[in-house]
């Protein structure tokens, strides 16, 4: 079984994002970048499937600038067999990314695609669902557990009311939630081995995919700063302030 896993280069989750002075977007200058945390979980799950003898090959794919090759090397160090970088300097929307991934999947013909449920920069939570629609493949999102047997995948997913278990036919799309697993740290020997693994680079234009934007960003602003709290003497004072000042009662 071939498993394709998607990887995005995003701002490190420990870094506080800054907005550009002209409010046109997020300032990425001199900002530490890393693999999107949900994609790390997706890579880890693919590696675990290979360790169980379910998967025979793991292909990591990223769509982004040349620096995304470093992120793919991390995926290779975690256990992916080879990687593909669709190189572009454009900041693609989810639909455009889904179209690009569809073209890659058309060439690779994987049995299972595992993706992070969302990227922590845009928080769109849309690419996996759009890809499944474009491919007309079954999908299971927000996976907290995954079992693959033959041409079936059983997915436990987190919903508002608790847990829901689905069974989908393969090939299919699974998007990973936080509780699916705990990603491993790449060991130094594996980091060194990753440098020798295959990393194919293709230009976005070579795929012949329409990636024209459908959305226009008007303005990006930081959230308002939180003001300090106050102390009250009694419960009656608290209720009064919640009614008259906060307006929540």
C-alpha atoms as a PDB file:
ATOM      1  CA  UNK A   1       0.000   0.000   0.000  1.00  0.00           C
ATOM      2  CA  UNK A   2       1.274   3.439  -0.933  1.00  0.00           C
ATOM      3  CA  UNK A   3       0.454   6.264   1.492  1.00  0.00           C
ATOM      4  CA  UNK A   4       0.727   9.892   0.423  1.00  0.00           C
ATOM      5  CA  UNK A   5       1.030  12.418   3.230  1.00  0.00           C
ATOM      6  CA  UNK A   6       0.864  16.193   2.809  1.00  0.00           C
ATOM      7  CA  UNK A   7       3.207  18.599   4.574  1.00  0.00           C
ATOM      8  CA  UNK A   8       3.023  22.384   4.893  1.00  0.00           C
ATOM      9  CA  UNK A   9       5.728  24.809   5.981  1.00  0.00           C
ATOM     10  CA  UNK A  10       4.165  27.197   8.497  1.00  0.00           C
ATOM     11  CA  UNK A  11       5.178  29.598  11.251  1.00  0.00           C
ATOM     12  CA  UNK A  12       6.532  27.700  14.256  1.00  0.00           C
ATOM     13  CA  UNK A  13       3.713  27.233  16.771  1.00  0.00           C
ATOM     14  CA  UNK A  14       5.875  28.760  19.527  1.00  0.00           C
ATOM     15  CA  UNK A  15       6.384  32.024  17.617  1.00  0.00           C
ATOM     16  CA  UNK A  16       4.058  35.002  18.042  1.00  0.00           C
ATOM     17  CA  UNK A  17       2.937  36.082  14.586  1.00  0.00           C
ATOM     18  CA  UNK A  18       3.245  39.759  13.636  1.00  0.00           C
ATOM     19  CA  UNK A  19       1.135  41.686  11.144  1.00  0.00           C
ATOM     20  CA  UNK A  20       2.848  43.741   8.442  1.00  0.00           C
ATOM     21  CA  UNK A  21       2.692  47.520   8.996  1.00  0.00           C
ATOM     22  CA  UNK A  22       0.482  47.935   5.898  1.00  0.00           C
ATOM     23  CA  UNK A  23      -1.896  45.212   7.191  1.00  0.00           C
ATOM     24  CA  UNK A  24      -1.516  43.273   3.940  1.00  0.00           C
ATOM     25  CA  UNK A  25      -0.633  40.002   5.677  1.00  0.00           C
ATOM     26  CA  UNK A  26       1.525  38.280   8.264  1.00  0.00           C
ATOM     27  CA  UNK A  27       5.181  39.314   8.478  1.00  0.00           C
ATOM     28  CA  UNK A  28       7.324  36.249   7.724  1.00  0.00           C
ATOM     29  CA  UNK A  29      10.686  38.057   7.640  1.00  0.00           C
ATOM     30  CA  UNK A  30      13.217  36.390   9.956  1.00  0.00           C
ATOM     31  CA  UNK A  31      10.473  34.224  11.482  1.00  0.00           C
ATOM     32  CA  UNK A  32      11.188  30.627  12.491  1.00  0.00           C
ATOM     33  CA  UNK A  33       9.268  28.195  10.310  1.00  0.00           C
ATOM     34  CA  UNK A  34       8.466  24.540  10.932  1.00  0.00           C
ATOM     35  CA  UNK A  35       6.212  21.716   9.819  1.00  0.00           C
ATOM     36  CA  UNK A  36       2.540  22.365  10.482  1.00  0.00           C
ATOM     37  CA  UNK A  37       1.770  20.415  13.718  1.00  0.00           C
ATOM     38  CA  UNK A  38      -1.247  18.599  12.267  1.00  0.00           C
ATOM     39  CA  UNK A  39       0.895  17.491   9.321  1.00  0.00           C
ATOM     40  CA  UNK A  40       3.493  16.145  11.749  1.00  0.00           C
ATOM     41  CA  UNK A  41       0.740  13.954  13.184  1.00  0.00           C
ATOM     42  CA  UNK A  42      -0.201  12.831   9.664  1.00  0.00           C
ATOM     43  CA  UNK A  43       3.403  11.867   8.890  1.00  0.00           C
ATOM     44  CA  UNK A  44       3.690   9.995  12.194  1.00  0.00           C
ATOM     45  CA  UNK A  45       0.521   8.024  11.454  1.00  0.00           C
ATOM     46  CA  UNK A  46       1.810   7.055   8.008  1.00  0.00           C
ATOM     47  CA  UNK A  47       5.106   5.880   9.534  1.00  0.00           C
ATOM     48  CA  UNK A  48       3.230   3.816  12.125  1.00  0.00           C
ATOM     49  CA  UNK A  49       1.233   2.161   9.339  1.00  0.00           C
ATOM     50  CA  UNK A  50       4.506   1.195   7.672  1.00  0.00           C
ATOM     51  CA  UNK A  51       5.918  -0.139  10.940  1.00  0.00           C
ATOM     52  CA  UNK A  52       2.808  -2.326  11.261  1.00  0.00           C
ATOM     53  CA  UNK A  53       3.422  -3.719   7.792  1.00  0.00           C
ATOM     54  CA  UNK A  54       0.307  -2.075   6.348  1.00  0.00           C
ATOM     55  CA  UNK A  55       2.054   0.575   4.231  1.00  0.00           C
ATOM     56  CA  UNK A  56       4.935  -0.268   1.915  1.00  0.00           C
ATOM     57  CA  UNK A  57       5.826   3.250   0.748  1.00  0.00           C
ATOM     58  CA  UNK A  58       5.296   6.739   2.178  1.00  0.00           C
ATOM     59  CA  UNK A  59       5.459   9.741  -0.130  1.00  0.00           C
ATOM     60  CA  UNK A  60       5.532  13.209   1.464  1.00  0.00           C
ATOM     61  CA  UNK A  61       4.290  16.116  -0.656  1.00  0.00           C
ATOM     62  CA  UNK A  62       4.521  19.854  -0.083  1.00  0.00           C
ATOM     63  CA  UNK A  63       3.404  22.860  -2.121  1.00  0.00           C
ATOM     64  CA  UNK A  64       5.441  25.961  -1.410  1.00  0.00           C
ATOM     65  CA  UNK A  65       8.752  27.805  -1.760  1.00  0.00           C
ATOM     66  CA  UNK A  66      12.194  26.232  -2.046  1.00  0.00           C
ATOM     67  CA  UNK A  67      12.582  26.404   1.751  1.00  0.00           C
ATOM     68  CA  UNK A  68       9.741  23.859   2.057  1.00  0.00           C
ATOM     69  CA  UNK A  69      12.336  21.303   0.980  1.00  0.00           C
ATOM     70  CA  UNK A  70      13.781  21.553   4.506  1.00  0.00           C
ATOM     71  CA  UNK A  71      10.358  20.712   5.923  1.00  0.00           C
ATOM     72  CA  UNK A  72      10.139  17.698   3.637  1.00  0.00           C
ATOM     73  CA  UNK A  73      13.559  16.575   4.855  1.00  0.00           C
ATOM     74  CA  UNK A  74      12.068  16.528   8.353  1.00  0.00           C
ATOM     75  CA  UNK A  75       9.293  14.260   7.086  1.00  0.00           C
ATOM     76  CA  UNK A  76      11.932  12.008   5.486  1.00  0.00           C
ATOM     77  CA  UNK A  77      13.839  11.912   8.772  1.00  0.00           C
ATOM     78  CA  UNK A  78      10.638  10.864  10.565  1.00  0.00           C
ATOM     79  CA  UNK A  79      10.299   7.894   8.223  1.00  0.00           C
ATOM     80  CA  UNK A  80       8.884   8.911   4.836  1.00  0.00           C
ATOM     81  CA  UNK A  81      10.553   7.126   1.913  1.00  0.00           C
ATOM     82  CA  UNK A  82      10.669   9.953  -0.605  1.00  0.00           C
ATOM     83  CA  UNK A  83       9.339  13.458  -1.060  1.00  0.00           C
ATOM     84  CA  UNK A  84       7.930  15.728  -3.760  1.00  0.00           C
ATOM     85  CA  UNK A  85       8.065  19.519  -3.650  1.00  0.00           C
ATOM     86  CA  UNK A  86       5.753  21.457  -5.950  1.00  0.00           C
ATOM     87  CA  UNK A  87       7.696  24.682  -5.930  1.00  0.00           C
ATOM     88  CA  UNK A  88       5.958  28.062  -6.044  1.00  0.00           C
ATOM     89  CA  UNK A  89       6.313  31.460  -4.454  1.00  0.00           C
ATOM     90  CA  UNK A  90       2.545  32.029  -4.610  1.00  0.00           C
ATOM     91  CA  UNK A  91       0.475  31.822  -1.437  1.00  0.00           C
ATOM     92  CA  UNK A  92      -2.127  29.383  -2.722  1.00  0.00           C
ATOM     93  CA  UNK A  93      -5.696  29.141  -1.475  1.00  0.00           C
ATOM     94  CA  UNK A  94      -7.046  25.773  -0.251  1.00  0.00           C
ATOM     95  CA  UNK A  95      -8.869  25.088  -3.529  1.00  0.00           C
ATOM     96  CA  UNK A  96      -5.696  25.708  -5.536  1.00  0.00           C
ATOM     97  CA  UNK A  97      -3.685  23.437  -3.214  1.00  0.00           C
ATOM     98  CA  UNK A  98      -6.347  20.741  -3.589  1.00  0.00           C
ATOM     99  CA  UNK A  99      -6.100  20.988  -7.383  1.00  0.00           C
ATOM    100  CA  UNK A 100      -2.315  20.689  -7.233  1.00  0.00           C
ATOM    101  CA  UNK A 101      -2.534  17.671  -4.938  1.00  0.00           C
ATOM    102  CA  UNK A 102      -5.073  16.076  -7.273  1.00  0.00           C
ATOM    103  CA  UNK A 103      -2.549  16.359 -10.113  1.00  0.00           C
ATOM    104  CA  UNK A 104       0.190  14.792  -7.957  1.00  0.00           C
ATOM    105  CA  UNK A 105      -2.136  11.979  -6.851  1.00  0.00           C
ATOM    106  CA  UNK A 106      -2.975  11.329 -10.504  1.00  0.00           C
ATOM    107  CA  UNK A 107       0.706  10.553 -11.081  1.00  0.00           C
ATOM    108  CA  UNK A 108       1.407   8.694  -7.831  1.00  0.00           C
ATOM    109  CA  UNK A 109      -1.850   6.679  -7.470  1.00  0.00           C
ATOM    110  CA  UNK A 110      -1.682   6.251  -3.665  1.00  0.00           C
ATOM    111  CA  UNK A 111      -4.060   3.956  -1.804  1.00  0.00           C
ATOM    112  CA  UNK A 112      -4.459   6.352   1.121  1.00  0.00           C
ATOM    113  CA  UNK A 113      -3.903  10.095   1.623  1.00  0.00           C
ATOM    114  CA  UNK A 114      -3.344  11.353   5.168  1.00  0.00           C
ATOM    115  CA  UNK A 115      -3.418  15.094   5.783  1.00  0.00           C
ATOM    116  CA  UNK A 116      -3.418  17.416   8.762  1.00  0.00           C
ATOM    117  CA  UNK A 117      -6.961  18.614   9.372  1.00  0.00           C
ATOM    118  CA  UNK A 118      -5.837  22.239   9.001  1.00  0.00           C
ATOM    119  CA  UNK A 119      -2.776  24.470   8.877  1.00  0.00           C
ATOM    120  CA  UNK A 120      -2.182  26.683  11.893  1.00  0.00           C
ATOM    121  CA  UNK A 121      -1.539  29.752   9.725  1.00  0.00           C
ATOM    122  CA  UNK A 122      -4.762  29.990   7.699  1.00  0.00           C
ATOM    123  CA  UNK A 123      -6.898  27.698   9.924  1.00  0.00           C
ATOM    124  CA  UNK A 124      -9.135  27.069   6.911  1.00  0.00           C
ATOM    125  CA  UNK A 125      -9.741  23.345   7.502  1.00  0.00           C
ATOM    126  CA  UNK A 126     -10.770  22.983   3.866  1.00  0.00           C
ATOM    127  CA  UNK A 127      -8.062  21.401   1.686  1.00  0.00           C
ATOM    128  CA  UNK A 128      -8.740  17.780   2.668  1.00  0.00           C
ATOM    129  CA  UNK A 129     -12.457  18.064   2.025  1.00  0.00           C
ATOM    130  CA  UNK A 130     -11.924  19.862  -1.286  1.00  0.00           C
ATOM    131  CA  UNK A 131      -9.403  17.249  -2.415  1.00  0.00           C
ATOM    132  CA  UNK A 132     -11.819  14.414  -1.627  1.00  0.00           C
ATOM    133  CA  UNK A 133     -14.505  16.170  -3.656  1.00  0.00           C
ATOM    134  CA  UNK A 134     -12.229  16.769  -6.646  1.00  0.00           C
ATOM    135  CA  UNK A 135     -11.113  13.118  -6.617  1.00  0.00           C
ATOM    136  CA  UNK A 136     -14.601  11.798  -5.766  1.00  0.00           C
ATOM    137  CA  UNK A 137     -12.985   9.751  -2.980  1.00  0.00           C
ATOM    138  CA  UNK A 138     -14.489   8.903   0.419  1.00  0.00           C
ATOM    139  CA  UNK A 139     -13.198  10.998   3.314  1.00  0.00           C
ATOM    140  CA  UNK A 140     -12.992  10.843   7.100  1.00  0.00           C
ATOM    141  CA  UNK A 141     -12.007  14.058   8.860  1.00  0.00           C
ATOM    142  CA  UNK A 142     -10.798  14.882  12.408  1.00  0.00           C
ATOM    143  CA  UNK A 143      -9.414  11.374  12.915  1.00  0.00           C
ATOM    144  CA  UNK A 144      -8.399  10.425  16.467  1.00  0.00           C
ATOM    145  CA  UNK A 145      -7.794   6.749  15.574  1.00  0.00           C
ATOM    146  CA  UNK A 146      -7.081   4.930  12.313  1.00  0.00           C
ATOM    147  CA  UNK A 147      -7.103   1.241  11.436  1.00  0.00           C
ATOM    148  CA  UNK A 148      -6.411  -0.003   7.914  1.00  0.00           C
ATOM    149  CA  UNK A 149      -7.249  -3.517   6.764  1.00  0.00           C
ATOM    150  CA  UNK A 150      -7.182  -4.516   3.130  1.00  0.00           C
ATOM    151  CA  UNK A 151      -9.160  -1.997   1.094  1.00  0.00           C
ATOM    152  CA  UNK A 152     -10.967  -0.572   4.128  1.00  0.00           C
ATOM    153  CA  UNK A 153     -10.046   2.060   6.689  1.00  0.00           C
ATOM    154  CA  UNK A 154     -11.834   2.382  10.028  1.00  0.00           C
ATOM    155  CA  UNK A 155     -11.623   5.908  11.399  1.00  0.00           C
ATOM    156  CA  UNK A 156     -12.676   7.163  14.803  1.00  0.00           C
ATOM    157  CA  UNK A 157     -13.374  10.870  14.543  1.00  0.00           C
ATOM    158  CA  UNK A 158     -14.097  13.563  17.094  1.00  0.00           C
ATOM    159  CA  UNK A 159     -17.485  15.256  16.818  1.00  0.00           C
ATOM    160  CA  UNK A 160     -19.390  17.622  19.099  1.00  0.00           C
ATOM    161  CA  UNK A 161     -21.322  14.801  20.736  1.00  0.00           C
ATOM    162  CA  UNK A 162     -18.309  12.535  21.370  1.00  0.00           C
ATOM    163  CA  UNK A 163     -16.728   9.982  19.037  1.00  0.00           C
ATOM    164  CA  UNK A 164     -17.988   8.666  15.716  1.00  0.00           C
ATOM    165  CA  UNK A 165     -16.589   5.599  13.956  1.00  0.00           C
ATOM    166  CA  UNK A 166     -16.663   5.398  10.170  1.00  0.00           C
ATOM    167  CA  UNK A 167     -15.475   2.818   7.680  1.00  0.00           C
ATOM    168  CA  UNK A 168     -14.411   4.047   4.254  1.00  0.00           C
ATOM    169  CA  UNK A 169     -13.319   2.271   1.100  1.00  0.00           C
ATOM    170  CA  UNK A 170      -9.827   2.916  -0.186  1.00  0.00           C
ATOM    171  CA  UNK A 171      -8.478   4.904  -1.888  1.00  0.00           C
ATOM    172  CA  UNK A 172      -9.642   7.618   0.466  1.00  0.00           C
ATOM    173  CA  UNK A 173      -8.713  10.773   2.372  1.00  0.00           C
ATOM    174  CA  UNK A 174      -8.141  10.941   6.144  1.00  0.00           C
ATOM    175  CA  UNK A 175      -7.412  14.199   7.984  1.00  0.00           C
ATOM    176  CA  UNK A 176      -5.616  13.993  11.331  1.00  0.00           C
ATOM    177  CA  UNK A 177      -6.719  15.559  14.608  1.00  0.00           C
ATOM    178  CA  UNK A 178      -4.508  16.281  17.614  1.00  0.00           C
ATOM    179  CA  UNK A 179      -5.270  13.082  19.516  1.00  0.00           C
ATOM    180  CA  UNK A 180      -4.439  10.717  16.666  1.00  0.00           C
ATOM    181  CA  UNK A 181      -0.881  10.254  17.973  1.00  0.00           C
ATOM    182  CA  UNK A 182       2.209  11.900  19.458  1.00  0.00           C
ATOM    183  CA  UNK A 183       4.772  12.619  16.697  1.00  0.00           C
ATOM    184  CA  UNK A 184       8.273  11.279  17.233  1.00  0.00           C
ATOM    185  CA  UNK A 185      11.448  13.326  17.225  1.00  0.00           C
ATOM    186  CA  UNK A 186      13.729  12.573  14.314  1.00  0.00           C
ATOM    187  CA  UNK A 187      16.959  10.979  15.548  1.00  0.00           C
ATOM    188  CA  UNK A 188      20.340  12.236  14.349  1.00  0.00           C
ATOM    189  CA  UNK A 189      21.069   9.052  12.330  1.00  0.00           C
ATOM    190  CA  UNK A 190      17.685   9.381  10.586  1.00  0.00           C
ATOM    191  CA  UNK A 191      18.324  13.068   9.894  1.00  0.00           C
ATOM    192  CA  UNK A 192      21.571  12.089   8.195  1.00  0.00           C
ATOM    193  CA  UNK A 193      19.838   9.316   6.225  1.00  0.00           C
ATOM    194  CA  UNK A 194      17.143  11.768   5.117  1.00  0.00           C
ATOM    195  CA  UNK A 195      19.753  13.804   3.247  1.00  0.00           C
ATOM    196  CA  UNK A 196      20.258  10.860   0.887  1.00  0.00           C
ATOM    197  CA  UNK A 197      16.574  10.122   0.308  1.00  0.00           C
ATOM    198  CA  UNK A 198      14.899  11.174  -2.924  1.00  0.00           C
ATOM    199  CA  UNK A 199      13.442  14.687  -3.030  1.00  0.00           C
ATOM    200  CA  UNK A 200      11.874  15.543  -6.386  1.00  0.00           C
ATOM    201  CA  UNK A 201      11.247  19.208  -7.204  1.00  0.00           C
ATOM    202  CA  UNK A 202       8.652  20.207  -9.796  1.00  0.00           C
ATOM    203  CA  UNK A 203       7.616  23.715 -10.764  1.00  0.00           C
ATOM    204  CA  UNK A 204       3.961  24.554 -10.211  1.00  0.00           C
ATOM    205  CA  UNK A 205       3.554  25.636 -13.833  1.00  0.00           C
ATOM    206  CA  UNK A 206       4.518  22.186 -15.105  1.00  0.00           C
ATOM    207  CA  UNK A 207       1.303  20.688 -13.722  1.00  0.00           C
ATOM    208  CA  UNK A 208      -1.004  22.848 -15.836  1.00  0.00           C
ATOM    209  CA  UNK A 209      -3.321  23.542 -12.890  1.00  0.00           C
ATOM    210  CA  UNK A 210      -5.499  26.639 -12.587  1.00  0.00           C
ATOM    211  CA  UNK A 211      -4.398  28.230  -9.302  1.00  0.00           C
ATOM    212  CA  UNK A 212      -5.905  31.687  -9.880  1.00  0.00           C
ATOM    213  CA  UNK A 213      -7.098  33.161  -6.541  1.00  0.00           C
ATOM    214  CA  UNK A 214     -10.822  33.336  -5.852  1.00  0.00           C
ATOM    215  CA  UNK A 215     -10.460  35.420  -2.693  1.00  0.00           C
ATOM    216  CA  UNK A 216      -8.932  38.811  -1.957  1.00  0.00           C
ATOM    217  CA  UNK A 217      -7.482  39.696   1.443  1.00  0.00           C
ATOM    218  CA  UNK A 218      -8.668  43.177   2.345  1.00  0.00           C
ATOM    219  CA  UNK A 219      -6.924  43.611   5.661  1.00  0.00           C
ATOM    220  CA  UNK A 220      -5.105  41.602   8.338  1.00  0.00           C
ATOM    221  CA  UNK A 221      -5.186  42.892  11.923  1.00  0.00           C
ATOM    222  CA  UNK A 222      -3.964  41.625  15.257  1.00  0.00           C
ATOM    223  CA  UNK A 223      -6.577  40.704  17.879  1.00  0.00           C
ATOM    224  CA  UNK A 224      -7.284  43.435  20.442  1.00  0.00           C
ATOM    225  CA  UNK A 225      -5.079  43.344  23.508  1.00  0.00           C
ATOM    226  CA  UNK A 226      -6.737  41.954  26.610  1.00  0.00           C
ATOM    227  CA  UNK A 227      -7.328  44.460  29.372  1.00  0.00           C
ATOM    228  CA  UNK A 228      -6.540  43.696  32.991  1.00  0.00           C
ATOM    229  CA  UNK A 229      -9.143  42.177  35.275  1.00  0.00           C
ATOM    230  CA  UNK A 230     -10.651  43.667  38.417  1.00  0.00           C
ATOM    231  CA  UNK A 231     -11.429  42.327  41.885  1.00  0.00           C
ATOM    232  CA  UNK A 232     -14.871  42.496  43.485  1.00  0.00           C
ATOM    233  CA  UNK A 233     -15.728  42.271  47.163  1.00  0.00           C
ATOM    234  CA  UNK A 234     -18.911  40.236  47.005  1.00  0.00           C
ATOM    235  CA  UNK A 235     -20.920  37.994  44.716  1.00  0.00           C
ATOM    236  CA  UNK A 236     -23.535  40.733  44.468  1.00  0.00           C
ATOM    237  CA  UNK A 237     -20.904  43.139  43.108  1.00  0.00           C
ATOM    238  CA  UNK A 238     -19.866  40.517  40.558  1.00  0.00           C
ATOM    239  CA  UNK A 239     -23.437  40.019  39.348  1.00  0.00           C
ATOM    240  CA  UNK A 240     -23.972  43.774  39.171  1.00  0.00           C
ATOM    241  CA  UNK A 241     -20.856  44.344  37.036  1.00  0.00           C
ATOM    242  CA  UNK A 242     -21.710  41.425  34.763  1.00  0.00           C
ATOM    243  CA  UNK A 243     -25.107  43.045  34.174  1.00  0.00           C
ATOM    244  CA  UNK A 244     -24.204  46.714  33.906  1.00  0.00           C
ATOM    245  CA  UNK A 245     -20.624  46.728  32.564  1.00  0.00           C
ATOM    246  CA  UNK A 246     -20.052  43.434  30.766  1.00  0.00           C
ATOM    247  CA  UNK A 247     -23.643  43.116  29.568  1.00  0.00           C
ATOM    248  CA  UNK A 248     -23.545  39.326  29.658  1.00  0.00           C
ATOM    249  CA  UNK A 249     -26.438  38.787  32.058  1.00  0.00           C
END
